[in-house]
C-alpha cells in the first residue's frame, strides 16, 4: 500500500524546506535507512533518510523548489500502484491535518501518515510550467561565473542544463560598433531566489533591529600583550591558538563577572543564564550561521580553538546540525580578518548583546612617556536597552578590556 513521505521539520524554526538534491529517482527501490534527499532548511542542508520502504512512485517537490513542512515530499509503494486517489485526497480541503514529523540527527522518528488540511501545500510542491530546467551543480557554477542560465542551451534529458553545458558555454561576442544589435534593458540584471537561510536571516535580524532599541559602546584595546602571549603559547605548546580564540575565552570570563549581559529578552521577562554559551558568527556562501560553544567559560583555549575550527569547516560544508546552532546566550562577530577596523553588529535574538570585533592595526602610541609602535583593536558592544543599561554594558567592556590587555588576569 502506498505511503506518503512528508516534508520533515528539521529544526525548531523551520516552516518550509528546499530539496537541494534527490538521491533516488522515480522507479527506484527505497529501503529504510536509504538516503532519499538533501533538504535545505533555514539553518543548514541536511541528509534525509527514508524511514519507509517501497518503490519511489512520485516526487512532490523538484530539486531547487521549496515546500511547506508536512506537504508531500514523495510517495512510496509497490511498482505500478495507482496513486491517483491519494493525490486527489491531498487536494481535498476537508483532508485531515497532518501530524508534524519531528526528526533527530536528520532521521525521522515519527512515521504516522496523515493528510494536509488544504490543497495549498500540494500546489506549492508542484513544478511550475515552463520552469527553466538545470541541475543544482549547473546553477551553482553559472552563479559563480556570472552566466545567465537562459543563455545556455541544455543538452541533458528534456533540455536540462547540466554541468558540461555551463563549462562549455561561450558568450556571443558582438563586434564594437555593430548598429543592428539592441540590448534589452530589462535583462541587465540577475534575479536569484532567496535561500531558506537568507529568508531566516532577513526575518530574524529585521525583527531584532526594529523591535530591540540598540545602543553601541566601543573601546580601543592594547593588543601587544595578547599577541605576545599567543605567540609564546603556539611555540611552546605546538598549538594553533588564534586571536579570536583568546577573545572568546576573555569574553566568557567577563560574562562570569557580569551576568546581566549574559541574558535573553523574552518579552514579559528577562532570563539571566547560569550557563555561558557563546555563539560564533561564521560566514558561509548563503549568508551567516552562528554555531554555539556551550559552557565556554569552562573550556580551555585548546578546546575553544578545536571547536571553532571544526565549526568553520563543517559550516562551509553545510554539515552543522540545527542543535549546534541553538542555545546561545551571547554572540561574537569578528570581521577583523577582512580588514574591517570597526563595525556595529545587529543583536542575535534572544540575546541582549553582541560583540563586534575589528582588525588588529598598527598604530603609534604613547607608553611610559615615550612614543612607540603598538597594536590596537576596537571592539563594539551592541546592547538591547530593554534589558541592558549603559552602565552595565560599559562595566562589562571595561572588564573585557582588562582581560585582553593583561591576559593572565583572566585565569586568576
Protein backbone atom coordinates (compact mmCIF):
# COMPACT_ATOMS: atom_id res chain seq x y z
CA UNK A 1 0.00 0.00 0.00
CA UNK A 2 1.32 3.42 -0.96
CA UNK A 3 2.61 5.67 1.81
CA UNK A 4 3.23 9.41 1.83
CA UNK A 5 6.62 10.76 2.91
CA UNK A 6 6.12 14.25 4.33
CA UNK A 7 8.45 17.25 4.23
CA UNK A 8 10.08 16.87 7.67
CA UNK A 9 10.52 19.57 10.31
CA UNK A 10 14.31 19.53 10.65
CA UNK A 11 14.69 22.47 13.03
CA UNK A 12 12.59 24.30 15.59
CA UNK A 13 12.21 27.35 13.33
CA UNK A 14 11.69 25.54 10.01
CA UNK A 15 8.42 26.28 8.19
CA UNK A 16 9.42 25.09 4.71
CA UNK A 17 12.26 23.19 3.08
CA UNK A 18 14.02 23.18 -0.28
CA UNK A 19 15.03 19.91 -1.92
CA UNK A 20 18.68 20.57 -2.69
CA UNK A 21 19.21 17.14 -4.27
CA UNK A 22 17.31 13.91 -4.85
CA UNK A 23 19.30 10.70 -4.31
CA UNK A 24 16.55 8.47 -5.72
CA UNK A 25 14.61 8.61 -8.98
CA UNK A 26 11.03 7.61 -9.69
CA UNK A 27 11.02 3.84 -10.14
CA UNK A 28 13.95 3.23 -7.78
CA UNK A 29 13.51 0.86 -4.87
CA UNK A 30 13.96 2.56 -1.49
CA UNK A 31 14.90 0.73 1.71
CA UNK A 32 14.53 2.01 5.24
CA UNK A 33 17.67 4.00 6.04
CA UNK A 34 18.44 4.82 2.39
CA UNK A 35 19.43 8.42 1.67
CA UNK A 36 16.39 9.83 -0.09
CA UNK A 37 17.18 13.53 -0.49
CA UNK A 38 19.16 16.51 0.80
CA UNK A 39 16.92 19.18 2.28
CA UNK A 40 17.90 22.80 2.81
CA UNK A 41 16.40 24.37 5.93
CA UNK A 42 16.76 27.88 7.34
CA UNK A 43 19.90 26.74 9.18
CA UNK A 44 21.65 24.02 7.18
CA UNK A 45 21.40 21.45 4.42
CA UNK A 46 20.70 18.03 5.90
CA UNK A 47 20.63 14.49 4.56
CA UNK A 48 17.18 12.94 4.87
CA UNK A 49 16.96 9.17 5.23
CA UNK A 50 13.82 7.26 4.38
CA UNK A 51 12.08 5.55 7.27
CA UNK A 52 9.75 3.68 4.88
CA UNK A 53 10.28 1.05 2.17
CA UNK A 54 8.93 0.66 -1.34
CA UNK A 55 9.31 1.88 -4.89
CA UNK A 56 9.53 5.64 -5.36
CA UNK A 57 6.29 6.37 -7.24
CA UNK A 58 6.09 10.14 -7.04
CA UNK A 59 8.15 13.21 -6.19
CA UNK A 60 6.15 16.06 -4.71
CA UNK A 61 8.99 18.59 -4.89
CA UNK A 62 11.52 19.09 -7.67
CA UNK A 63 15.17 19.92 -6.99
CA UNK A 64 15.62 23.59 -6.14
CA UNK A 65 11.99 24.09 -5.16
CA UNK A 66 10.50 24.81 -1.73
CA UNK A 67 7.55 23.16 0.00
CA UNK A 68 5.95 23.68 3.43
CA UNK A 69 6.60 21.34 6.31
CA UNK A 70 4.19 18.34 6.20
CA UNK A 71 3.45 18.68 2.47
CA UNK A 72 4.09 15.68 0.20
CA UNK A 73 7.78 15.08 -0.32
CA UNK A 74 7.36 11.70 -2.01
CA UNK A 75 5.10 8.65 -2.27
CA UNK A 76 6.41 5.11 -1.85
CA UNK A 77 4.53 1.95 -2.73
CA UNK A 78 4.56 -1.13 -4.93
CA UNK A 79 5.61 -0.94 -8.56
CA UNK A 80 2.77 0.11 -10.85
CA UNK A 81 0.45 1.04 -7.97
CA UNK A 82 -2.21 3.64 -8.73
CA UNK A 83 -1.72 6.70 -6.50
CA UNK A 84 -4.29 8.96 -8.17
CA UNK A 85 -6.72 8.55 -5.26
CA UNK A 86 -4.05 9.71 -2.79
CA UNK A 87 -3.28 12.78 -4.87
CA UNK A 88 -6.99 13.57 -5.13
CA UNK A 89 -7.41 13.31 -1.37
CA UNK A 90 -4.46 15.71 -0.95
CA UNK A 91 -6.36 18.30 -2.96
CA UNK A 92 -9.47 17.96 -0.82
CA UNK A 93 -9.93 20.95 1.56
CA UNK A 94 -11.56 18.62 4.10
CA UNK A 95 -8.48 16.39 4.38
CA UNK A 96 -7.23 15.69 7.90
CA UNK A 97 -4.35 17.90 9.09
CA UNK A 98 -1.03 16.07 9.14
CA UNK A 99 0.95 15.43 12.28
CA UNK A 100 4.27 17.27 12.31
CA UNK A 101 7.15 14.88 11.77
CA UNK A 102 9.93 15.62 14.23
CA UNK A 103 13.44 14.47 13.44
CA UNK A 104 16.60 13.73 15.33
CA UNK A 105 20.01 13.97 13.64
CA UNK A 106 18.34 14.13 10.23
CA UNK A 107 16.35 10.88 10.62
CA UNK A 108 12.60 10.91 11.12
CA UNK A 109 11.29 9.48 14.38
CA UNK A 110 7.56 9.91 13.60
CA UNK A 111 6.08 7.71 10.87
CA UNK A 112 2.35 8.36 11.13
CA UNK A 113 0.90 9.36 7.73
CA UNK A 114 -1.96 11.88 7.71
CA UNK A 115 -3.28 14.27 5.10
CA UNK A 116 -2.94 18.09 4.97
CA UNK A 117 -5.88 20.39 5.55
CA UNK A 118 -5.89 22.14 2.17
CA UNK A 119 -4.65 22.00 -1.38
CA UNK A 120 -2.26 24.88 -0.78
CA UNK A 121 0.67 22.67 0.20
CA UNK A 122 0.12 20.43 -2.80
CA UNK A 123 0.14 23.35 -5.20
CA UNK A 124 3.31 24.74 -3.67
CA UNK A 125 5.13 21.48 -4.30
CA UNK A 126 4.16 21.18 -7.96
CA UNK A 127 6.58 22.14 -10.71
CA UNK A 128 5.81 25.48 -12.31
CA UNK A 129 5.10 25.02 -16.03
CA UNK A 130 7.85 26.46 -18.22
CA UNK A 131 10.39 26.50 -15.39
CA UNK A 132 14.00 26.55 -16.57
CA UNK A 133 15.48 23.09 -16.05
CA UNK A 134 19.01 22.99 -14.61
CA UNK A 135 20.86 20.77 -12.18
CA UNK A 136 21.86 22.31 -8.80
CA UNK A 137 25.54 21.93 -9.74
CA UNK A 138 24.97 23.72 -13.05
CA UNK A 139 23.14 26.53 -11.26
CA UNK A 140 25.96 26.92 -8.75
CA UNK A 141 28.68 27.01 -11.44
CA UNK A 142 26.67 29.50 -13.51
CA UNK A 143 26.22 31.71 -10.45
CA UNK A 144 29.96 31.63 -9.71
CA UNK A 145 30.79 32.53 -13.33
CA UNK A 146 28.09 35.18 -13.62
CA UNK A 147 26.36 33.40 -16.52
CA UNK A 148 22.64 33.79 -17.22
CA UNK A 149 21.08 30.31 -17.38
CA UNK A 150 18.58 31.36 -20.05
CA UNK A 151 21.53 32.00 -22.39
CA UNK A 152 22.64 28.35 -22.20
CA UNK A 153 21.22 25.51 -24.29
CA UNK A 154 20.76 22.37 -22.20
CA UNK A 155 21.93 19.00 -23.51
CA UNK A 156 20.60 16.91 -20.65
CA UNK A 157 17.39 14.91 -20.57
CA UNK A 158 14.43 17.03 -21.65
CA UNK A 159 16.71 20.00 -22.39
CA UNK A 160 18.01 20.16 -18.82
CA UNK A 161 21.11 22.32 -18.32
CA UNK A 162 23.92 20.27 -16.78
CA UNK A 163 27.49 20.92 -15.67
CA UNK A 164 29.10 20.38 -19.10
CA UNK A 165 26.74 22.92 -20.68
CA UNK A 166 27.83 25.67 -18.29
CA UNK A 167 31.53 24.83 -18.53
CA UNK A 168 31.49 24.77 -22.33
CA UNK A 169 29.35 27.91 -22.69
CA UNK A 170 30.90 30.65 -24.83
CA UNK A 171 29.13 34.03 -24.81
CA UNK A 172 28.39 35.63 -28.16
CA UNK A 173 30.88 38.42 -28.91
CA UNK A 174 29.30 41.43 -30.60
CA UNK A 175 31.71 43.49 -32.77
CA UNK A 176 32.14 47.02 -31.46
CA UNK A 177 30.03 49.48 -33.40
CA UNK A 178 27.59 46.95 -34.83
CA UNK A 179 24.45 49.03 -35.27
CA UNK A 180 21.73 46.42 -35.54
CA UNK A 181 22.34 44.98 -32.06
CA UNK A 182 19.81 46.06 -29.44
CA UNK A 183 20.41 45.31 -25.79
CA UNK A 184 17.15 44.74 -23.91
CA UNK A 185 17.45 46.94 -20.82
CA UNK A 186 15.11 44.67 -18.88
CA UNK A 187 17.68 41.85 -18.90
CA UNK A 188 20.58 43.86 -17.45
CA UNK A 189 20.29 42.17 -14.05
CA UNK A 190 20.07 38.78 -12.40
CA UNK A 191 17.31 37.72 -10.01
CA UNK A 192 18.23 34.92 -7.61
CA UNK A 193 15.62 33.28 -5.38
CA UNK A 194 16.20 33.60 -1.65
CA UNK A 195 17.66 30.56 0.09
CA UNK A 196 15.98 29.32 3.26
CA UNK A 197 18.96 30.63 5.24
CA UNK A 198 18.75 34.10 3.69
CA UNK A 199 15.00 34.24 4.42
CA UNK A 200 15.66 33.35 8.06
CA UNK A 201 18.43 35.95 8.35
CA UNK A 202 16.19 38.64 6.88
CA UNK A 203 13.29 37.76 9.16
CA UNK A 204 15.20 37.36 12.43
CA UNK A 205 17.50 40.37 12.07
CA UNK A 206 14.67 42.63 10.88
CA UNK A 207 12.71 41.65 13.98
CA UNK A 208 15.77 42.34 16.14
CA UNK A 209 16.69 45.70 14.60
CA UNK A 210 13.16 47.07 14.50
CA UNK A 211 11.99 45.79 17.89
CA UNK A 212 15.10 45.99 20.10
CA UNK A 213 16.35 49.54 20.86
CA UNK A 214 20.06 49.11 20.07
CA UNK A 215 22.81 51.24 21.54
CA UNK A 216 26.54 50.84 21.00
CA UNK A 217 29.65 51.04 23.16
CA UNK A 218 33.20 50.95 21.75
CA UNK A 219 36.58 50.54 23.45
CA UNK A 220 40.09 50.55 21.98
CA UNK A 221 42.25 47.70 23.28
CA UNK A 222 46.05 47.48 23.55
CA UNK A 223 46.81 44.10 21.94
CA UNK A 224 50.60 43.92 22.46
CA UNK A 225 50.40 41.51 25.42
CA UNK A 226 47.79 39.29 23.78
CA UNK A 227 49.83 38.90 20.61
CA UNK A 228 52.98 38.12 22.59
CA UNK A 229 51.12 35.57 24.74
CA UNK A 230 49.57 33.94 21.66
CA UNK A 231 52.98 33.56 20.03
CA UNK A 232 54.51 32.01 23.17
CA UNK A 233 51.62 29.56 23.56
CA UNK A 234 51.79 28.43 19.93
CA UNK A 235 55.57 27.98 20.03
CA UNK A 236 55.82 26.16 23.35
CA UNK A 237 52.71 24.01 23.19
CA UNK A 238 52.54 23.21 19.47
CA UNK A 239 49.08 24.77 19.23
CA UNK A 240 47.30 26.97 16.69
CA UNK A 241 45.58 29.41 19.02
CA UNK A 242 44.11 32.42 17.21
CA UNK A 243 43.37 35.91 18.50
CA UNK A 244 39.67 35.09 18.10
CA UNK A 245 40.05 32.06 20.40
CA UNK A 246 41.54 34.27 23.12
CA UNK A 247 38.77 36.85 22.64
CA UNK A 248 36.17 34.11 23.15
CA UNK A 249 37.94 32.95 26.31
CA UNK A 250 38.21 36.52 27.64
CA UNK A 251 34.56 37.23 26.80
CA UNK A 252 33.41 34.14 28.68
CA UNK A 253 35.48 35.20 31.71
CA UNK A 254 34.00 38.72 31.58
CA UNK A 255 30.45 37.33 31.35
CA UNK A 256 31.05 35.39 34.57
CA UNK A 257 31.60 38.73 36.32
CA UNK A 258 28.70 40.48 34.55
CA UNK A 259 25.77 38.01 34.41
CA UNK A 260 23.29 40.74 33.44
CA UNK A 261 24.90 40.81 30.00
CA UNK A 262 24.54 37.02 29.67
CA UNK A 263 20.79 37.25 29.28
CA UNK A 264 17.78 36.83 26.97
CA UNK A 265 14.84 39.16 26.39
CA UNK A 266 11.62 37.11 26.49
CA UNK A 267 9.02 39.85 26.12
CA UNK A 268 7.47 39.75 29.56
CA UNK A 269 10.65 38.83 31.45
CA UNK A 270 14.45 38.82 31.29
CA UNK A 271 16.17 35.46 31.64
CA UNK A 272 19.64 35.51 33.22
CA UNK A 273 21.50 32.38 32.19
CA UNK A 274 23.66 30.35 34.55
CA UNK A 275 25.49 28.81 31.60
CA UNK A 276 27.64 30.82 29.22
CA UNK A 277 27.02 29.62 25.66
CA UNK A 278 28.81 31.80 23.13
CA UNK A 279 27.65 31.91 19.52
CA UNK A 280 30.38 32.50 16.94
CA UNK A 281 29.24 34.06 13.66
CA UNK A 282 30.62 32.16 10.64
CA UNK A 283 30.24 33.45 7.07
CA UNK A 284 29.08 30.85 4.53
CA UNK A 285 28.07 31.07 0.87
CA UNK A 286 24.37 31.65 1.56
CA UNK A 287 24.81 34.07 4.45
CA UNK A 288 25.68 33.59 8.08
CA UNK A 289 25.40 30.79 10.63
CA UNK A 290 26.03 31.01 14.36
CA UNK A 291 27.24 27.73 15.87
CA UNK A 292 27.38 27.77 19.67
CA UNK A 293 30.20 26.88 22.09
CA UNK A 294 28.36 25.54 25.16
CA UNK A 295 29.81 26.29 28.60
CA UNK A 296 32.54 28.41 27.03
CA UNK A 297 33.73 29.65 30.43
CA UNK A 298 34.74 26.10 31.37
CA UNK A 299 36.66 25.44 28.13
CA UNK A 300 40.42 25.63 27.76
CA UNK A 301 41.98 27.65 24.96
CA UNK A 302 42.85 24.39 23.23
CA UNK A 303 39.23 23.20 23.40
CA UNK A 304 37.88 26.53 22.14
CA UNK A 305 40.36 26.53 19.25
CA UNK A 306 39.47 22.97 18.19
CA UNK A 307 35.70 23.62 18.44
CA UNK A 308 35.86 26.85 16.41
CA UNK A 309 37.99 25.29 13.66
CA UNK A 310 35.63 22.32 13.45
CA UNK A 311 32.61 24.64 13.28
CA UNK A 312 34.18 26.71 10.48
CA UNK A 313 34.92 23.65 8.33
CA UNK A 314 31.53 21.98 8.80
CA UNK A 315 29.64 25.27 8.38
CA UNK A 316 31.12 25.78 4.90
CA UNK A 317 30.39 22.14 4.05
CA UNK A 318 26.79 22.60 5.31
CA UNK A 319 27.23 19.77 7.80
CA UNK A 320 26.33 21.60 11.01
CA UNK A 321 23.34 20.17 12.85
CA UNK A 322 20.49 22.50 13.92
CA UNK A 323 21.06 21.73 17.61
CA UNK A 324 24.62 23.05 17.26
CA UNK A 325 23.20 26.47 16.40
CA UNK A 326 20.81 26.80 19.32
CA UNK A 327 21.06 27.88 22.94
CA UNK A 328 23.35 30.90 22.55
CA UNK A 329 23.38 33.40 25.45
CA UNK A 330 25.90 35.83 23.88
CA UNK A 331 27.31 36.22 20.35
CA UNK A 332 30.63 37.34 18.88
CA UNK A 333 31.04 38.58 15.29
CA UNK A 334 34.64 39.07 14.10
CA UNK A 335 35.34 40.85 10.80
CA UNK A 336 38.94 41.65 11.66
CA UNK A 337 40.26 39.03 9.24
CA UNK A 338 38.64 41.06 6.43
CA UNK A 339 40.49 44.21 7.44
CA UNK A 340 37.42 45.89 8.99
CA UNK A 341 38.65 48.15 11.80
CA UNK A 342 35.28 48.86 13.41
CA UNK A 343 31.61 48.00 12.87
CA UNK A 344 28.34 47.56 14.73
CA UNK A 345 26.50 44.23 14.71
CA UNK A 346 22.78 43.53 14.96
CA UNK A 347 21.83 41.62 18.11
CA UNK A 348 21.18 37.90 17.57
CA UNK A 349 17.88 37.24 19.39
CA UNK A 350 17.05 36.24 22.03
CA UNK A 351 20.48 37.52 23.20
CA UNK A 352 20.58 41.04 24.60
CA UNK A 353 24.15 41.78 23.46
CA UNK A 354 26.57 41.02 20.61
CA UNK A 355 30.27 41.87 20.40
CA UNK A 356 31.70 43.17 17.10
CA UNK A 357 35.46 42.62 16.81
CA UNK A 358 37.61 44.66 14.43
CA UNK A 359 41.08 44.15 12.98
CA UNK A 360 44.32 44.46 14.94
CA UNK A 361 46.00 47.52 13.50
CA UNK A 362 49.47 49.11 13.75
CA UNK A 363 49.43 52.48 15.45
CA UNK A 364 51.80 54.93 17.07
CA UNK A 365 51.09 55.02 20.82
CA UNK A 366 52.47 56.74 23.89
CA UNK A 367 53.66 54.37 26.63
CA UNK A 368 55.50 55.43 29.75
CA UNK A 369 56.08 58.86 28.30
CA UNK A 370 57.64 57.70 25.04
CA UNK A 371 56.27 57.32 21.52
CA UNK A 372 56.49 53.79 20.17
CA UNK A 373 54.73 51.42 17.74
CA UNK A 374 51.79 49.47 19.11
CA UNK A 375 48.99 47.07 18.21
CA UNK A 376 45.42 48.22 18.80
CA UNK A 377 41.98 46.72 18.26
CA UNK A 378 38.47 48.16 18.56
CA UNK A 379 35.55 46.14 19.88
CA UNK A 380 31.95 47.38 19.87
CA UNK A 381 29.18 46.03 22.09
CA UNK A 382 25.62 46.28 20.74
CA UNK A 383 23.12 46.27 23.61
CA UNK A 384 19.35 45.85 23.83
CA UNK A 385 18.36 48.81 26.02
CA UNK A 386 15.25 46.96 27.21
CA UNK A 387 17.48 44.63 29.21
CA UNK A 388 20.94 46.23 29.46
CA UNK A 389 21.67 49.77 30.60
CA UNK A 390 24.64 51.83 29.52
CA UNK A 391 26.49 51.44 32.80
CA UNK A 392 26.04 47.65 32.73
CA UNK A 393 27.40 47.38 29.20
CA UNK A 394 30.27 49.75 29.97
CA UNK A 395 31.30 47.75 33.05
CA UNK A 396 31.36 44.54 31.01
CA UNK A 397 33.52 46.17 28.32
CA UNK A 398 35.95 47.53 30.93
CA UNK A 399 36.43 44.03 32.35
CA UNK A 400 36.87 42.55 28.87
CA UNK A 401 39.44 45.24 28.01
CA UNK A 402 41.36 44.47 31.22
CA UNK A 403 41.43 40.75 30.41
CA UNK A 404 42.66 41.36 26.87
CA UNK A 405 45.35 43.81 27.91
CA UNK A 406 46.52 41.62 30.80
CA UNK A 407 45.68 38.08 29.58
CA UNK A 408 46.99 36.33 32.71
CA UNK A 409 44.35 38.13 34.79
CA UNK A 410 41.52 36.11 33.21
CA UNK A 411 42.98 32.92 34.68
CA UNK A 412 43.25 34.26 38.26
